[in-house]
Amino acid sequence: MRVPIHDGYQVRVTNEITVPLLPCASIDDIVAFYEVLGFHTTYQQRKPNPAVGLQREDLHLQFFEIAGFDPAQSYGSCLVLTSDTGQLYRAFAAGMRAAYGKVLVSGTPRMTRPRARKNADGMSGFSVIDPGGNWIRVFQSAPASPAPAPTGRLGKAMANAVVQSDSRGDARQAARILDSALARPEADDDPVALVEVLVYRAEVAMALNDPATAVEMLARVDRVALSADDATRAAAAYEAATDLAAALS
């Protein structure tokens, strides 16, 4: 930005940092959760109002406590841009596995997996929903090349469902989209896309507190026959299935 100085000229000020202020019911719960993700406390106060600042490398977040706050009603959200969403996701997931024995995929807090977002020009993104109900939305800052548009009816259904659940938080609508696609199998369906849809439907079921459907979907994944090449293409989906199975156990 430009700011005036005494002789009437203006200078450009750079390296500004914007830090989001997000609500929560308990700063203690916030600190405990974000420490799992590799954050450390930079500032904390109890009076006159409980508040805390957290940092992980160049990522800064601050939180303020509201008595009686309901995380389920939170509109708190912010964007985090990173050069590698996969690397940051893996770091967060490793912290969760070390602390909880699993990646949290249901309830609050939880975390979604990196996926291309149809409503974000195909950029990869995932979200952390913290104990305050805040959505920390992580996106690829500069993709090396545009993500290819989804193809096939299953791929398109998957893309639409990701927008509903991972971006808008409407897991029920995502479930309807995926169930509709799965109810009408076609001979030329890509088996890898089928695995991806089944695994994502299991994840959506977990978000809806429906473990029975999640178990059913993962069982169907095991019955999909894949060639060696297809199994390689489906590696990320199988990794997600492993995390979901751990969360169900």
C-alpha atoms as a PDB file:
ATOM      1  CA  MET A   1       0.000   0.000   0.000  1.00  0.00           C
ATOM      2  CA  ARG A   2       1.036   3.678  -0.229  1.00  0.00           C
ATOM      3  CA  VAL A   3       1.194   5.953   2.799  1.00  0.00           C
ATOM      4  CA  PRO A   4       1.913   9.724   2.945  1.00  0.00           C
ATOM      5  CA  ILE A   5       5.129  11.088   4.433  1.00  0.00           C
ATOM      6  CA  HIS A   6       5.940  14.611   5.612  1.00  0.00           C
ATOM      7  CA  ASP A   7       7.307  16.013   2.347  1.00  0.00           C
ATOM      8  CA  GLY A   8       4.191  15.033   0.414  1.00  0.00           C
ATOM      9  CA  TYR A   9       5.635  11.965  -1.299  1.00  0.00           C
ATOM     10  CA  GLN A  10       4.349   8.471  -0.895  1.00  0.00           C
ATOM     11  CA  VAL A  11       6.268   5.255  -0.369  1.00  0.00           C
ATOM     12  CA  ARG A  12       5.262   1.659  -0.932  1.00  0.00           C
ATOM     13  CA  VAL A  13       5.023  -0.484   2.202  1.00  0.00           C
ATOM     14  CA  THR A  14       5.454  -4.218   1.646  1.00  0.00           C
ATOM     15  CA  ASN A  15       5.456  -7.460   3.637  1.00  0.00           C
ATOM     16  CA  GLU A  16       2.144  -6.804   5.346  1.00  0.00           C
ATOM     17  CA  ILE A  17       0.656  -9.767   7.202  1.00  0.00           C
ATOM     18  CA  THR A  18      -3.048 -10.355   7.723  1.00  0.00           C
ATOM     19  CA  VAL A  19      -3.975 -12.526  10.702  1.00  0.00           C
ATOM     20  CA  PRO A  20      -7.553 -13.840  10.982  1.00  0.00           C
ATOM     21  CA  LEU A  21      -9.385 -13.529  14.302  1.00  0.00           C
ATOM     22  CA  LEU A  22     -11.657 -16.532  14.772  1.00  0.00           C
ATOM     23  CA  PRO A  23     -14.228 -17.365  17.474  1.00  0.00           C
ATOM     24  CA  CYS A  24     -14.234 -20.414  19.721  1.00  0.00           C
ATOM     25  CA  ALA A  25     -15.849 -21.772  22.870  1.00  0.00           C
ATOM     26  CA  SER A  26     -12.528 -22.567  24.573  1.00  0.00           C
ATOM     27  CA  ILE A  27      -9.044 -21.329  23.775  1.00  0.00           C
ATOM     28  CA  ASP A  28      -7.678 -24.320  25.714  1.00  0.00           C
ATOM     29  CA  ASP A  29      -9.350 -26.715  23.268  1.00  0.00           C
ATOM     30  CA  ILE A  30      -8.037 -24.642  20.373  1.00  0.00           C
ATOM     31  CA  VAL A  31      -4.456 -24.700  21.659  1.00  0.00           C
ATOM     32  CA  ALA A  32      -4.544 -28.452  22.295  1.00  0.00           C
ATOM     33  CA  PHE A  33      -5.829 -29.155  18.781  1.00  0.00           C
ATOM     34  CA  TYR A  34      -3.507 -26.850  16.891  1.00  0.00           C
ATOM     35  CA  GLU A  35      -0.475 -28.120  18.797  1.00  0.00           C
ATOM     36  CA  VAL A  36      -1.283 -31.504  17.248  1.00  0.00           C
ATOM     37  CA  LEU A  37      -0.986 -29.824  13.834  1.00  0.00           C
ATOM     38  CA  GLY A  38       2.415 -28.370  14.683  1.00  0.00           C
ATOM     39  CA  PHE A  39       1.447 -24.874  15.864  1.00  0.00           C
ATOM     40  CA  HIS A  40       2.909 -23.121  18.885  1.00  0.00           C
ATOM     41  CA  THR A  41       1.463 -20.348  21.031  1.00  0.00           C
ATOM     42  CA  THR A  42       2.771 -16.848  20.345  1.00  0.00           C
ATOM     43  CA  TYR A  43       0.430 -14.941  22.667  1.00  0.00           C
ATOM     44  CA  GLN A  44      -2.218 -15.775  25.235  1.00  0.00           C
ATOM     45  CA  GLN A  45      -4.387 -13.802  27.629  1.00  0.00           C
ATOM     46  CA  ARG A  46      -7.212 -14.651  30.015  1.00  0.00           C
ATOM     47  CA  LYS A  47      -8.397 -11.142  30.871  1.00  0.00           C
ATOM     48  CA  PRO A  48     -10.247  -9.059  29.984  1.00  0.00           C
ATOM     49  CA  ASN A  49     -11.197 -11.516  27.223  1.00  0.00           C
ATOM     50  CA  PRO A  50      -9.630 -14.955  26.640  1.00  0.00           C
ATOM     51  CA  ALA A  51      -7.592 -14.929  23.428  1.00  0.00           C
ATOM     52  CA  VAL A  52      -4.653 -16.783  21.925  1.00  0.00           C
ATOM     53  CA  GLY A  53      -2.289 -16.420  18.971  1.00  0.00           C
ATOM     54  CA  LEU A  54      -0.852 -19.471  17.200  1.00  0.00           C
ATOM     55  CA  GLN A  55       1.803 -19.919  14.546  1.00  0.00           C
ATOM     56  CA  ARG A  56       3.145 -22.682  12.326  1.00  0.00           C
ATOM     57  CA  GLU A  57       5.958 -21.379  10.138  1.00  0.00           C
ATOM     58  CA  ASP A  58       4.354 -18.512   8.143  1.00  0.00           C
ATOM     59  CA  LEU A  59       0.802 -19.492   9.083  1.00  0.00           C
ATOM     60  CA  HIS A  60      -0.664 -17.253  11.807  1.00  0.00           C
ATOM     61  CA  LEU A  61      -4.073 -17.680  13.450  1.00  0.00           C
ATOM     62  CA  GLN A  62      -5.655 -15.912  16.411  1.00  0.00           C
ATOM     63  CA  PHE A  63      -8.735 -16.931  18.384  1.00  0.00           C
ATOM     64  CA  PHE A  64     -11.034 -15.286  20.895  1.00  0.00           C
ATOM     65  CA  GLU A  65     -13.262 -17.129  23.340  1.00  0.00           C
ATOM     66  CA  ILE A  66     -17.006 -16.472  23.555  1.00  0.00           C
ATOM     67  CA  ALA A  67     -18.947 -17.839  26.515  1.00  0.00           C
ATOM     68  CA  GLY A  68     -21.680 -20.212  25.365  1.00  0.00           C
ATOM     69  CA  PHE A  69     -20.417 -20.252  21.775  1.00  0.00           C
ATOM     70  CA  ASP A  70     -21.748 -23.150  19.661  1.00  0.00           C
ATOM     71  CA  PRO A  71     -19.143 -24.362  17.124  1.00  0.00           C
ATOM     72  CA  ALA A  72     -21.907 -25.912  15.013  1.00  0.00           C
ATOM     73  CA  GLN A  73     -23.239 -22.404  14.355  1.00  0.00           C
ATOM     74  CA  SER A  74     -19.870 -20.865  13.495  1.00  0.00           C
ATOM     75  CA  TYR A  75     -19.370 -18.887  10.311  1.00  0.00           C
ATOM     76  CA  GLY A  76     -15.649 -18.524  11.033  1.00  0.00           C
ATOM     77  CA  SER A  77     -13.452 -19.252   8.022  1.00  0.00           C
ATOM     78  CA  CYS A  78     -10.214 -18.219   6.366  1.00  0.00           C
ATOM     79  CA  LEU A  79      -8.084 -19.109   3.359  1.00  0.00           C
ATOM     80  CA  VAL A  80      -4.561 -20.489   3.520  1.00  0.00           C
ATOM     81  CA  LEU A  81      -2.566 -20.484   0.281  1.00  0.00           C
ATOM     82  CA  THR A  82       0.362 -22.875   0.009  1.00  0.00           C
ATOM     83  CA  SER A  83       2.603 -24.139  -2.759  1.00  0.00           C
ATOM     84  CA  ASP A  84       1.933 -27.770  -1.805  1.00  0.00           C
ATOM     85  CA  THR A  85      -1.409 -28.752  -0.293  1.00  0.00           C
ATOM     86  CA  GLY A  86      -0.383 -32.398  -0.204  1.00  0.00           C
ATOM     87  CA  GLN A  87       2.685 -31.743   1.911  1.00  0.00           C
ATOM     88  CA  LEU A  88       0.754 -29.657   4.435  1.00  0.00           C
ATOM     89  CA  TYR A  89      -2.038 -32.228   4.578  1.00  0.00           C
ATOM     90  CA  ARG A  90       0.449 -35.032   5.229  1.00  0.00           C
ATOM     91  CA  ALA A  91       2.042 -33.037   8.052  1.00  0.00           C
ATOM     92  CA  PHE A  92      -1.342 -32.391   9.668  1.00  0.00           C
ATOM     93  CA  ALA A  93      -2.395 -36.019   9.166  1.00  0.00           C
ATOM     94  CA  ALA A  94       0.826 -37.286  10.753  1.00  0.00           C
ATOM     95  CA  GLY A  95       0.174 -35.108  13.788  1.00  0.00           C
ATOM     96  CA  MET A  96      -3.356 -36.460  14.106  1.00  0.00           C
ATOM     97  CA  ARG A  97      -2.211 -40.059  13.812  1.00  0.00           C
ATOM     98  CA  ALA A  98       0.428 -39.496  16.486  1.00  0.00           C
ATOM     99  CA  ALA A  99      -2.028 -37.823  18.873  1.00  0.00           C
ATOM    100  CA  TYR A 100      -5.283 -39.661  18.158  1.00  0.00           C
ATOM    101  CA  GLY A 101      -4.218 -42.833  16.383  1.00  0.00           C
ATOM    102  CA  LYS A 102      -6.165 -41.784  13.285  1.00  0.00           C
ATOM    103  CA  VAL A 103      -6.970 -38.899  10.980  1.00  0.00           C
ATOM    104  CA  LEU A 104     -10.104 -37.149  12.232  1.00  0.00           C
ATOM    105  CA  VAL A 105     -12.712 -37.380   9.465  1.00  0.00           C
ATOM    106  CA  SER A 106     -15.975 -36.898  11.355  1.00  0.00           C
ATOM    107  CA  GLY A 107     -17.371 -34.636  14.033  1.00  0.00           C
ATOM    108  CA  THR A 108     -15.621 -31.498  15.225  1.00  0.00           C
ATOM    109  CA  PRO A 109     -12.676 -31.182  14.834  1.00  0.00           C
ATOM    110  CA  ARG A 110     -11.988 -32.991  11.563  1.00  0.00           C
ATOM    111  CA  MET A 111     -10.093 -32.641   8.281  1.00  0.00           C
ATOM    112  CA  THR A 112     -10.988 -33.301   4.654  1.00  0.00           C
ATOM    113  CA  ARG A 113      -8.513 -34.640   2.089  1.00  0.00           C
ATOM    114  CA  PRO A 114      -6.856 -32.637  -0.713  1.00  0.00           C
ATOM    115  CA  ARG A 115      -9.006 -32.762  -3.831  1.00  0.00           C
ATOM    116  CA  ALA A 116      -9.352 -30.706  -6.973  1.00  0.00           C
ATOM    117  CA  ARG A 117     -12.124 -28.159  -6.492  1.00  0.00           C
ATOM    118  CA  LYS A 118     -14.410 -27.577  -9.451  1.00  0.00           C
ATOM    119  CA  ASN A 119     -15.444 -24.225  -7.956  1.00  0.00           C
ATOM    120  CA  ALA A 120     -11.819 -23.078  -7.569  1.00  0.00           C
ATOM    121  CA  ASP A 121     -10.548 -23.526 -11.129  1.00  0.00           C
ATOM    122  CA  GLY A 122      -9.506 -27.073 -10.364  1.00  0.00           C
ATOM    123  CA  MET A 123      -7.033 -26.078  -7.655  1.00  0.00           C
ATOM    124  CA  SER A 124      -6.307 -28.685  -5.008  1.00  0.00           C
ATOM    125  CA  GLY A 125      -7.738 -27.917  -1.597  1.00  0.00           C
ATOM    126  CA  PHE A 126      -8.619 -29.360   1.784  1.00  0.00           C
ATOM    127  CA  SER A 127     -10.212 -28.008   4.940  1.00  0.00           C
ATOM    128  CA  VAL A 128      -9.514 -28.236   8.653  1.00  0.00           C
ATOM    129  CA  ILE A 129     -12.617 -27.775  10.784  1.00  0.00           C
ATOM    130  CA  ASP A 130     -11.271 -26.878  14.216  1.00  0.00           C
ATOM    131  CA  PRO A 131     -12.859 -27.189  17.698  1.00  0.00           C
ATOM    132  CA  GLY A 132     -14.396 -23.743  17.248  1.00  0.00           C
ATOM    133  CA  GLY A 133     -16.197 -24.851  14.088  1.00  0.00           C
ATOM    134  CA  ASN A 134     -13.950 -22.608  11.977  1.00  0.00           C
ATOM    135  CA  TRP A 135     -13.171 -23.779   8.449  1.00  0.00           C
ATOM    136  CA  ILE A 136      -9.485 -23.310   7.650  1.00  0.00           C
ATOM    137  CA  ARG A 137      -9.552 -23.704   3.867  1.00  0.00           C
ATOM    138  CA  VAL A 138      -6.188 -24.655   2.388  1.00  0.00           C
ATOM    139  CA  PHE A 139      -5.643 -24.134  -1.341  1.00  0.00           C
ATOM    140  CA  GLN A 140      -2.845 -24.530  -3.833  1.00  0.00           C
ATOM    141  CA  SER A 141      -1.465 -21.046  -4.440  1.00  0.00           C
ATOM    142  CA  ALA A 142      -0.093 -21.550  -7.942  1.00  0.00           C
ATOM    143  CA  PRO A 143      -0.851 -24.835  -9.700  1.00  0.00           C
ATOM    144  CA  ALA A 144       1.817 -25.908 -12.162  1.00  0.00           C
ATOM    145  CA  SER A 145      -0.875 -26.469 -14.776  1.00  0.00           C
ATOM    146  CA  PRO A 146      -4.669 -26.322 -14.789  1.00  0.00           C
ATOM    147  CA  ALA A 147      -6.262 -29.471 -13.428  1.00  0.00           C
ATOM    148  CA  PRO A 148      -8.035 -31.432 -16.159  1.00  0.00           C
ATOM    149  CA  ALA A 149     -11.796 -31.160 -16.146  1.00  0.00           C
ATOM    150  CA  PRO A 150     -13.495 -34.242 -14.705  1.00  0.00           C
ATOM    151  CA  THR A 151     -14.603 -36.760 -17.308  1.00  0.00           C
ATOM    152  CA  GLY A 152     -17.187 -39.505 -17.242  1.00  0.00           C
ATOM    153  CA  ARG A 153     -20.368 -39.466 -15.240  1.00  0.00           C
ATOM    154  CA  LEU A 154     -18.660 -40.701 -12.063  1.00  0.00           C
ATOM    155  CA  GLY A 155     -15.898 -38.118 -12.301  1.00  0.00           C
ATOM    156  CA  LYS A 156     -18.423 -35.335 -12.805  1.00  0.00           C
ATOM    157  CA  ALA A 157     -20.563 -36.576  -9.923  1.00  0.00           C
ATOM    158  CA  MET A 158     -17.485 -36.672  -7.712  1.00  0.00           C
ATOM    159  CA  ALA A 159     -16.552 -33.098  -8.646  1.00  0.00           C
ATOM    160  CA  ASN A 160     -20.056 -31.846  -7.859  1.00  0.00           C
ATOM    161  CA  ALA A 161     -20.152 -33.712  -4.550  1.00  0.00           C
ATOM    162  CA  VAL A 162     -16.788 -32.273  -3.474  1.00  0.00           C
ATOM    163  CA  VAL A 163     -18.135 -28.758  -4.007  1.00  0.00           C
ATOM    164  CA  GLN A 164     -21.142 -29.531  -1.826  1.00  0.00           C
ATOM    165  CA  SER A 165     -19.410 -31.278   1.072  1.00  0.00           C
ATOM    166  CA  ASP A 166     -15.823 -30.028   1.150  1.00  0.00           C
ATOM    167  CA  SER A 167     -16.538 -26.434   0.103  1.00  0.00           C
ATOM    168  CA  ARG A 168     -20.071 -25.731   1.308  1.00  0.00           C
ATOM    169  CA  GLY A 169     -20.270 -28.160   4.200  1.00  0.00           C
ATOM    170  CA  ASP A 170     -23.449 -29.747   2.816  1.00  0.00           C
ATOM    171  CA  ALA A 171     -22.632 -33.428   3.240  1.00  0.00           C
ATOM    172  CA  ARG A 172     -26.255 -34.481   2.759  1.00  0.00           C
ATOM    173  CA  GLN A 173     -26.414 -32.988  -0.720  1.00  0.00           C
ATOM    174  CA  ALA A 174     -23.077 -34.605  -1.555  1.00  0.00           C
ATOM    175  CA  ALA A 175     -24.472 -37.961  -0.421  1.00  0.00           C
ATOM    176  CA  ARG A 176     -27.492 -37.533  -2.685  1.00  0.00           C
ATOM    177  CA  ILE A 177     -25.274 -36.767  -5.683  1.00  0.00           C
ATOM    178  CA  LEU A 178     -23.031 -39.767  -5.074  1.00  0.00           C
ATOM    179  CA  ASP A 179     -25.899 -42.152  -4.315  1.00  0.00           C
ATOM    180  CA  SER A 180     -27.601 -41.159  -7.554  1.00  0.00           C
ATOM    181  CA  ALA A 181     -24.428 -41.885  -9.525  1.00  0.00           C
ATOM    182  CA  LEU A 182     -23.817 -45.212  -7.784  1.00  0.00           C
ATOM    183  CA  ALA A 183     -27.415 -46.325  -8.323  1.00  0.00           C
ATOM    184  CA  ARG A 184     -26.989 -46.347 -12.117  1.00  0.00           C
ATOM    185  CA  PRO A 185     -23.829 -48.297 -12.984  1.00  0.00           C
ATOM    186  CA  GLU A 186     -22.794 -48.331 -16.629  1.00  0.00           C
ATOM    187  CA  ALA A 187     -20.600 -50.797 -18.478  1.00  0.00           C
ATOM    188  CA  ASP A 188     -18.013 -48.191 -19.447  1.00  0.00           C
ATOM    189  CA  ASP A 189     -17.578 -46.702 -15.955  1.00  0.00           C
ATOM    190  CA  ASP A 190     -13.931 -46.135 -15.073  1.00  0.00           C
ATOM    191  CA  PRO A 191     -13.182 -48.585 -12.223  1.00  0.00           C
ATOM    192  CA  VAL A 192     -10.743 -46.121 -10.643  1.00  0.00           C
ATOM    193  CA  ALA A 193     -13.430 -43.436 -10.635  1.00  0.00           C
ATOM    194  CA  LEU A 194     -15.767 -45.966  -9.032  1.00  0.00           C
ATOM    195  CA  VAL A 195     -13.257 -46.605  -6.244  1.00  0.00           C
ATOM    196  CA  GLU A 196     -12.826 -42.857  -5.721  1.00  0.00           C
ATOM    197  CA  VAL A 197     -16.584 -42.293  -5.543  1.00  0.00           C
ATOM    198  CA  LEU A 198     -17.094 -45.174  -3.111  1.00  0.00           C
ATOM    199  CA  VAL A 199     -14.308 -43.959  -0.838  1.00  0.00           C
ATOM    200  CA  TYR A 200     -15.602 -40.407  -0.910  1.00  0.00           C
ATOM    201  CA  ARG A 201     -19.130 -41.633  -0.196  1.00  0.00           C
ATOM    202  CA  ALA A 202     -17.705 -43.414   2.860  1.00  0.00           C
ATOM    203  CA  GLU A 203     -16.043 -40.174   3.974  1.00  0.00           C
ATOM    204  CA  VAL A 204     -19.291 -38.260   3.498  1.00  0.00           C
ATOM    205  CA  ALA A 205     -21.088 -40.925   5.533  1.00  0.00           C
ATOM    206  CA  MET A 206     -18.599 -40.386   8.346  1.00  0.00           C
ATOM    207  CA  ALA A 207     -19.269 -36.647   8.226  1.00  0.00           C
ATOM    208  CA  LEU A 208     -22.979 -37.482   8.564  1.00  0.00           C
ATOM    209  CA  ASN A 209     -22.330 -39.770  11.547  1.00  0.00           C
ATOM    210  CA  ASP A 210     -23.442 -42.778   9.494  1.00  0.00           C
ATOM    211  CA  PRO A 211     -20.762 -45.422  10.106  1.00  0.00           C
ATOM    212  CA  ALA A 212     -22.913 -48.249   8.732  1.00  0.00           C
ATOM    213  CA  THR A 213     -22.936 -46.685   5.269  1.00  0.00           C
ATOM    214  CA  ALA A 214     -19.218 -45.961   5.525  1.00  0.00           C
ATOM    215  CA  VAL A 215     -18.528 -49.636   6.271  1.00  0.00           C
ATOM    216  CA  GLU A 216     -20.741 -50.686   3.356  1.00  0.00           C
ATOM    217  CA  MET A 217     -18.943 -48.379   0.921  1.00  0.00           C
ATOM    218  CA  LEU A 218     -15.491 -49.552   1.997  1.00  0.00           C
ATOM    219  CA  ALA A 219     -16.611 -53.162   1.577  1.00  0.00           C
ATOM    220  CA  ARG A 220     -17.693 -52.338  -1.969  1.00  0.00           C
ATOM    221  CA  VAL A 221     -14.273 -50.825  -2.631  1.00  0.00           C
ATOM    222  CA  ASP A 222     -12.689 -54.184  -1.823  1.00  0.00           C
ATOM    223  CA  ARG A 223     -14.871 -55.844  -4.454  1.00  0.00           C
ATOM    224  CA  VAL A 224     -13.815 -53.581  -7.340  1.00  0.00           C
ATOM    225  CA  ALA A 225     -11.407 -55.443  -9.632  1.00  0.00           C
ATOM    226  CA  LEU A 226      -8.494 -53.290 -10.807  1.00  0.00           C
ATOM    227  CA  SER A 227      -5.556 -53.936 -13.080  1.00  0.00           C
ATOM    228  CA  ALA A 228      -2.067 -53.180 -11.779  1.00  0.00           C
ATOM    229  CA  ASP A 229      -2.060 -49.851 -13.626  1.00  0.00           C
ATOM    230  CA  ASP A 230      -5.501 -48.947 -12.297  1.00  0.00           C
ATOM    231  CA  ALA A 231      -4.440 -49.836  -8.758  1.00  0.00           C
ATOM    232  CA  THR A 232      -1.572 -47.369  -9.097  1.00  0.00           C
ATOM    233  CA  ARG A 233      -3.976 -44.671 -10.272  1.00  0.00           C
ATOM    234  CA  ALA A 234      -6.223 -45.416  -7.310  1.00  0.00           C
ATOM    235  CA  ALA A 235      -3.416 -45.250  -4.720  1.00  0.00           C
ATOM    236  CA  ALA A 236      -4.638 -41.999  -3.154  1.00  0.00           C
ATOM    237  CA  ALA A 237      -8.167 -43.369  -2.831  1.00  0.00           C
ATOM    238  CA  TYR A 238      -6.884 -46.534  -1.165  1.00  0.00           C
ATOM    239  CA  GLU A 239      -4.847 -44.422   1.253  1.00  0.00           C
ATOM    240  CA  ALA A 240      -8.006 -42.499   2.111  1.00  0.00           C
ATOM    241  CA  ALA A 241      -9.868 -45.784   2.592  1.00  0.00           C
ATOM    242  CA  THR A 242      -7.205 -46.913   5.057  1.00  0.00           C
ATOM    243  CA  ASP A 243      -7.647 -43.725   7.082  1.00  0.00           C
ATOM    244  CA  LEU A 244     -11.417 -44.159   7.072  1.00  0.00           C
ATOM    245  CA  ALA A 245     -11.143 -47.768   8.210  1.00  0.00           C
ATOM    246  CA  ALA A 246      -8.897 -46.654  11.074  1.00  0.00           C
ATOM    247  CA  ALA A 247     -11.419 -43.990  12.056  1.00  0.00           C
ATOM    248  CA  LEU A 248     -14.164 -46.617  12.111  1.00  0.00           C
ATOM    249  CA  SER A 249     -12.254 -49.045  14.309  1.00  0.00           C
END
